[in-house]
Amino acid sequence: MITPELLARINELARKKRTIGLSEEELAEQKKLYAIYLAAIRGQVTDLLESIEFVDGGTKK
């Protein structure tokens, strides 16, 4: 689940990576957080696609 705390930490690590760099522990944490985030996004997309219902509108002349 994507929480405000998760997003805040991802953004914090991204800013730090751009400015001063990350330690090995922080790089591992960032990788783990990205995996959690991407899994949540994939789950949302999958749920959305599974809820789509195709309706045949018939033939138009």
PDB file of N, CA and C in Angstrom:
ATOM      1  N   MET A   1       0.838  -1.174   0.000  1.00  0.00           N
ATOM      2  CA  MET A   1       0.000   0.000   0.000  1.00  0.00           C
ATOM      3  C   MET A   1       0.890   1.247   0.000  1.00  0.00           C
ATOM      4  N   ILE A   2       0.487   2.206  -0.803  1.00  0.00           N
ATOM      5  CA  ILE A   2       1.245   3.446  -0.901  1.00  0.00           C
ATOM      6  C   ILE A   2       0.734   4.410   0.165  1.00  0.00           C
ATOM      7  N   THR A   3       1.600   4.726   1.099  1.00  0.00           N
ATOM      8  CA  THR A   3       1.239   5.639   2.177  1.00  0.00           C
ATOM      9  C   THR A   3       1.987   6.965   1.988  1.00  0.00           C
ATOM     10  N   PRO A   4       1.511   8.013   2.602  1.00  0.00           N
ATOM     11  CA  PRO A   4       2.243   9.288   2.535  1.00  0.00           C
ATOM     12  C   PRO A   4       3.666   9.161   3.085  1.00  0.00           C
ATOM     13  N   GLU A   5       3.828   8.330   4.107  1.00  0.00           N
ATOM     14  CA  GLU A   5       5.156   8.132   4.686  1.00  0.00           C
ATOM     15  C   GLU A   5       6.085   7.449   3.694  1.00  0.00           C
ATOM     16  N   LEU A   6       5.562   6.466   2.953  1.00  0.00           N
ATOM     17  CA  LEU A   6       6.357   5.764   1.942  1.00  0.00           C
ATOM     18  C   LEU A   6       6.806   6.742   0.860  1.00  0.00           C
ATOM     19  N   LEU A   7       5.880   7.533   0.359  1.00  0.00           N
ATOM     20  CA  LEU A   7       6.223   8.516  -0.668  1.00  0.00           C
ATOM     21  C   LEU A   7       7.221   9.552  -0.156  1.00  0.00           C
ATOM     22  N   ALA A   8       7.041   9.994   1.071  1.00  0.00           N
ATOM     23  CA  ALA A   8       7.952  10.982   1.644  1.00  0.00           C
ATOM     24  C   ALA A   8       9.369  10.425   1.735  1.00  0.00           C
ATOM     25  N   ARG A   9       9.484   9.169   2.167  1.00  0.00           N
ATOM     26  CA  ARG A   9      10.815   8.563   2.301  1.00  0.00           C
ATOM     27  C   ARG A   9      11.456   8.340   0.930  1.00  0.00           C
ATOM     28  N   ILE A  10      10.661   7.901  -0.055  1.00  0.00           N
ATOM     29  CA  ILE A  10      11.185   7.726  -1.418  1.00  0.00           C
ATOM     30  C   ILE A  10      11.707   9.059  -1.942  1.00  0.00           C
ATOM     31  N   ASN A  11      10.930  10.112  -1.760  1.00  0.00           N
ATOM     32  CA  ASN A  11      11.341  11.436  -2.236  1.00  0.00           C
ATOM     33  C   ASN A  11      12.563  11.950  -1.490  1.00  0.00           C
ATOM     34  N   GLU A  12      12.612  11.696  -0.198  1.00  0.00           N
ATOM     35  CA  GLU A  12      13.758  12.124   0.602  1.00  0.00           C
ATOM     36  C   GLU A  12      15.039  11.445   0.107  1.00  0.00           C
ATOM     37  N   LEU A  13      14.969  10.153  -0.127  1.00  0.00           N
ATOM     38  CA  LEU A  13      16.148   9.425  -0.610  1.00  0.00           C
ATOM     39  C   LEU A  13      16.529   9.873  -2.019  1.00  0.00           C
ATOM     40  N   ALA A  14      15.545  10.156  -2.867  1.00  0.00           N
ATOM     41  CA  ALA A  14      15.834  10.622  -4.226  1.00  0.00           C
ATOM     42  C   ALA A  14      16.548  11.968  -4.201  1.00  0.00           C
ATOM     43  N   ARG A  15      16.080  12.882  -3.348  1.00  0.00           N
ATOM     44  CA  ARG A  15      16.741  14.195  -3.226  1.00  0.00           C
ATOM     45  C   ARG A  15      18.170  14.038  -2.717  1.00  0.00           C
ATOM     46  N   LYS A  16      18.334  13.183  -1.716  1.00  0.00           N
ATOM     47  CA  LYS A  16      19.667  12.981  -1.156  1.00  0.00           C
ATOM     48  C   LYS A  16      20.600  12.351  -2.175  1.00  0.00           C
ATOM     49  N   LYS A  17      20.073  11.432  -2.974  1.00  0.00           N
ATOM     50  CA  LYS A  17      20.886  10.767  -3.992  1.00  0.00           C
ATOM     51  C   LYS A  17      21.392  11.782  -5.015  1.00  0.00           C
ATOM     52  N   ARG A  18      20.527  12.740  -5.389  1.00  0.00           N
ATOM     53  CA  ARG A  18      20.919  13.759  -6.363  1.00  0.00           C
ATOM     54  C   ARG A  18      21.926  14.749  -5.793  1.00  0.00           C
ATOM     55  N   THR A  19      21.865  14.996  -4.498  1.00  0.00           N
ATOM     56  CA  THR A  19      22.725  16.038  -3.926  1.00  0.00           C
ATOM     57  C   THR A  19      24.038  15.486  -3.386  1.00  0.00           C
ATOM     58  N   ILE A  20      23.962  14.625  -2.381  1.00  0.00           N
ATOM     59  CA  ILE A  20      25.206  14.167  -1.742  1.00  0.00           C
ATOM     60  C   ILE A  20      25.476  12.686  -1.912  1.00  0.00           C
ATOM     61  N   GLY A  21      24.526  11.961  -2.455  1.00  0.00           N
ATOM     62  CA  GLY A  21      24.711  10.531  -2.644  1.00  0.00           C
ATOM     63  C   GLY A  21      24.161   9.738  -1.463  1.00  0.00           C
ATOM     64  N   LEU A  22      24.050   8.431  -1.677  1.00  0.00           N
ATOM     65  CA  LEU A  22      23.489   7.549  -0.662  1.00  0.00           C
ATOM     66  C   LEU A  22      24.512   6.520  -0.218  1.00  0.00           C
ATOM     67  N   SER A  23      24.377   6.105   1.021  1.00  0.00           N
ATOM     68  CA  SER A  23      25.207   5.018   1.531  1.00  0.00           C
ATOM     69  C   SER A  23      24.673   3.695   0.984  1.00  0.00           C
ATOM     70  N   GLU A  24      25.409   2.635   1.197  1.00  0.00           N
ATOM     71  CA  GLU A  24      24.970   1.311   0.738  1.00  0.00           C
ATOM     72  C   GLU A  24      23.635   0.919   1.377  1.00  0.00           C
ATOM     73  N   GLU A  25      23.469   1.232   2.658  1.00  0.00           N
ATOM     74  CA  GLU A  25      22.223   0.912   3.353  1.00  0.00           C
ATOM     75  C   GLU A  25      21.052   1.685   2.765  1.00  0.00           C
ATOM     76  N   GLU A  26      21.291   2.958   2.465  1.00  0.00           N
ATOM     77  CA  GLU A  26      20.235   3.787   1.891  1.00  0.00           C
ATOM     78  C   GLU A  26      19.880   3.336   0.477  1.00  0.00           C
ATOM     79  N   LEU A  27      20.886   2.911  -0.294  1.00  0.00           N
ATOM     80  CA  LEU A  27      20.606   2.388  -1.629  1.00  0.00           C
ATOM     81  C   LEU A  27      19.742   1.136  -1.547  1.00  0.00           C
ATOM     82  N   ALA A  28      20.031   0.263  -0.591  1.00  0.00           N
ATOM     83  CA  ALA A  28      19.231  -0.950  -0.402  1.00  0.00           C
ATOM     84  C   ALA A  28      17.812  -0.585   0.026  1.00  0.00           C
ATOM     85  N   GLU A  29      17.695   0.393   0.928  1.00  0.00           N
ATOM     86  CA  GLU A  29      16.367   0.830   1.367  1.00  0.00           C
ATOM     87  C   GLU A  29      15.590   1.423   0.195  1.00  0.00           C
ATOM     88  N   GLN A  30      16.257   2.242  -0.615  1.00  0.00           N
ATOM     89  CA  GLN A  30      15.602   2.853  -1.763  1.00  0.00           C
ATOM     90  C   GLN A  30      15.103   1.780  -2.732  1.00  0.00           C
ATOM     91  N   LYS A  31      15.912   0.779  -2.984  1.00  0.00           N
ATOM     92  CA  LYS A  31      15.519  -0.311  -3.878  1.00  0.00           C
ATOM     93  C   LYS A  31      14.294  -1.045  -3.331  1.00  0.00           C
ATOM     94  N   LYS A  32      14.279  -1.293  -2.024  1.00  0.00           N
ATOM     95  CA  LYS A  32      13.153  -1.974  -1.387  1.00  0.00           C
ATOM     96  C   LYS A  32      11.882  -1.125  -1.480  1.00  0.00           C
ATOM     97  N   LEU A  33      12.008   0.179  -1.217  1.00  0.00           N
ATOM     98  CA  LEU A  33      10.853   1.077  -1.267  1.00  0.00           C
ATOM     99  C   LEU A  33      10.296   1.193  -2.686  1.00  0.00           C
ATOM    100  N   TYR A  34      11.197   1.260  -3.684  1.00  0.00           N
ATOM    101  CA  TYR A  34      10.752   1.299  -5.075  1.00  0.00           C
ATOM    102  C   TYR A  34       9.983   0.027  -5.424  1.00  0.00           C
ATOM    103  N   ALA A  35      10.454  -1.117  -4.957  1.00  0.00           N
ATOM    104  CA  ALA A  35       9.773  -2.389  -5.233  1.00  0.00           C
ATOM    105  C   ALA A  35       8.370  -2.388  -4.633  1.00  0.00           C
ATOM    106  N   ILE A  36       8.234  -1.892  -3.410  1.00  0.00           N
ATOM    107  CA  ILE A  36       6.922  -1.807  -2.761  1.00  0.00           C
ATOM    108  C   ILE A  36       6.009  -0.876  -3.555  1.00  0.00           C
ATOM    109  N   TYR A  37       6.525   0.269  -3.954  1.00  0.00           N
ATOM    110  CA  TYR A  37       5.755   1.257  -4.700  1.00  0.00           C
ATOM    111  C   TYR A  37       5.288   0.681  -6.038  1.00  0.00           C
ATOM    112  N   LEU A  38       6.206   0.071  -6.777  1.00  0.00           N
ATOM    113  CA  LEU A  38       5.856  -0.478  -8.085  1.00  0.00           C
ATOM    114  C   LEU A  38       4.860  -1.627  -7.977  1.00  0.00           C
ATOM    115  N   ALA A  39       5.001  -2.457  -6.957  1.00  0.00           N
ATOM    116  CA  ALA A  39       4.039  -3.553  -6.750  1.00  0.00           C
ATOM    117  C   ALA A  39       2.646  -2.992  -6.493  1.00  0.00           C
ATOM    118  N   ALA A  40       2.555  -1.912  -5.733  1.00  0.00           N
ATOM    119  CA  ALA A  40       1.261  -1.297  -5.444  1.00  0.00           C
ATOM    120  C   ALA A  40       0.651  -0.709  -6.717  1.00  0.00           C
ATOM    121  N   ILE A  41       1.455  -0.045  -7.525  1.00  0.00           N
ATOM    122  CA  ILE A  41       0.974   0.534  -8.779  1.00  0.00           C
ATOM    123  C   ILE A  41       0.498  -0.579  -9.719  1.00  0.00           C
ATOM    124  N   ARG A  42       1.291  -1.630  -9.828  1.00  0.00           N
ATOM    125  CA  ARG A  42       0.892  -2.754 -10.686  1.00  0.00           C
ATOM    126  C   ARG A  42      -0.424  -3.366 -10.212  1.00  0.00           C
ATOM    127  N   GLY A  43      -0.585  -3.474  -8.901  1.00  0.00           N
ATOM    128  CA  GLY A  43      -1.827  -4.004  -8.353  1.00  0.00           C
ATOM    129  C   GLY A  43      -3.013  -3.124  -8.693  1.00  0.00           C
ATOM    130  N   GLN A  44      -2.832  -1.814  -8.620  1.00  0.00           N
ATOM    131  CA  GLN A  44      -3.912  -0.890  -8.954  1.00  0.00           C
ATOM    132  C   GLN A  44      -4.298  -1.002 -10.426  1.00  0.00           C
ATOM    133  N   VAL A  45      -3.295  -1.101 -11.294  1.00  0.00           N
ATOM    134  CA  VAL A  45      -3.570  -1.221 -12.729  1.00  0.00           C
ATOM    135  C   VAL A  45      -4.271  -2.546 -13.022  1.00  0.00           C
ATOM    136  N   THR A  46      -3.812  -3.609 -12.395  1.00  0.00           N
ATOM    137  CA  THR A  46      -4.439  -4.916 -12.583  1.00  0.00           C
ATOM    138  C   THR A  46      -5.893  -4.889 -12.130  1.00  0.00           C
ATOM    139  N   ASP A  47      -6.156  -4.308 -10.971  1.00  0.00           N
ATOM    140  CA  ASP A  47      -7.527  -4.205 -10.471  1.00  0.00           C
ATOM    141  C   ASP A  47      -8.408  -3.411 -11.438  1.00  0.00           C
ATOM    142  N   LEU A  48      -7.864  -2.327 -11.957  1.00  0.00           N
ATOM    143  CA  LEU A  48      -8.617  -1.505 -12.900  1.00  0.00           C
ATOM    144  C   LEU A  48      -8.931  -2.286 -14.167  1.00  0.00           C
ATOM    145  N   LEU A  49      -7.932  -2.976 -14.705  1.00  0.00           N
ATOM    146  CA  LEU A  49      -8.152  -3.732 -15.932  1.00  0.00           C
ATOM    147  C   LEU A  49      -9.139  -4.880 -15.722  1.00  0.00           C
ATOM    148  N   GLU A  50      -9.096  -5.493 -14.560  1.00  0.00           N
ATOM    149  CA  GLU A  50     -10.020  -6.588 -14.282  1.00  0.00           C
ATOM    150  C   GLU A  50     -11.457  -6.104 -14.109  1.00  0.00           C
ATOM    151  N   SER A  51     -11.628  -4.834 -13.787  1.00  0.00           N
ATOM    152  CA  SER A  51     -12.985  -4.312 -13.587  1.00  0.00           C
ATOM    153  C   SER A  51     -13.620  -3.795 -14.881  1.00  0.00           C
ATOM    154  N   ILE A  52     -12.846  -3.771 -15.958  1.00  0.00           N
ATOM    155  CA  ILE A  52     -13.375  -3.287 -17.235  1.00  0.00           C
ATOM    156  C   ILE A  52     -14.271  -4.357 -17.840  1.00  0.00           C
ATOM    157  N   GLU A  53     -15.423  -3.911 -18.278  1.00  0.00           N
ATOM    158  CA  GLU A  53     -16.380  -4.818 -18.911  1.00  0.00           C
ATOM    159  C   GLU A  53     -16.602  -4.353 -20.349  1.00  0.00           C
ATOM    160  N   PHE A  54     -16.376  -5.251 -21.284  1.00  0.00           N
ATOM    161  CA  PHE A  54     -16.584  -4.935 -22.688  1.00  0.00           C
ATOM    162  C   PHE A  54     -18.043  -5.170 -23.029  1.00  0.00           C
ATOM    163  N   VAL A  55     -18.630  -4.202 -23.688  1.00  0.00           N
ATOM    164  CA  VAL A  55     -20.027  -4.296 -24.088  1.00  0.00           C
ATOM    165  C   VAL A  55     -20.082  -4.158 -25.604  1.00  0.00           C
ATOM    166  N   ASP A  56     -20.711  -5.118 -26.242  1.00  0.00           N
ATOM    167  CA  ASP A  56     -20.870  -5.069 -27.693  1.00  0.00           C
ATOM    168  C   ASP A  56     -22.027  -4.129 -28.002  1.00  0.00           C
ATOM    169  N   GLY A  57     -21.734  -3.069 -28.700  1.00  0.00           N
ATOM    170  CA  GLY A  57     -22.755  -2.074 -29.033  1.00  0.00           C
ATOM    171  C   GLY A  57     -23.588  -2.459 -30.237  1.00  0.00           C
ATOM    172  N   GLY A  58     -23.352  -3.614 -30.787  1.00  0.00           N
ATOM    173  CA  GLY A  58     -24.092  -4.022 -31.983  1.00  0.00           C
ATOM    174  C   GLY A  58     -23.414  -3.475 -33.213  1.00  0.00           C
ATOM    175  N   THR A  59     -24.016  -3.731 -34.348  1.00  0.00           N
ATOM    176  CA  THR A  59     -23.436  -3.240 -35.601  1.00  0.00           C
ATOM    177  C   THR A  59     -24.104  -1.931 -35.979  1.00  0.00           C
ATOM    178  N   LYS A  60     -23.295  -1.042 -36.499  1.00  0.00           N
ATOM    179  CA  LYS A  60     -23.807   0.260 -36.948  1.00  0.00           C
ATOM    180  C   LYS A  60     -23.870   0.253 -38.459  1.00  0.00           C
ATOM    181  N   LYS A  61     -24.926   0.834 -38.978  1.00  0.00           N
ATOM    182  CA  LYS A  61     -25.057   0.918 -40.448  1.00  0.00           C
ATOM    183  C   LYS A  61     -24.971   2.343 -40.908  1.00  0.00           C
TER     184      LYS A  61
END
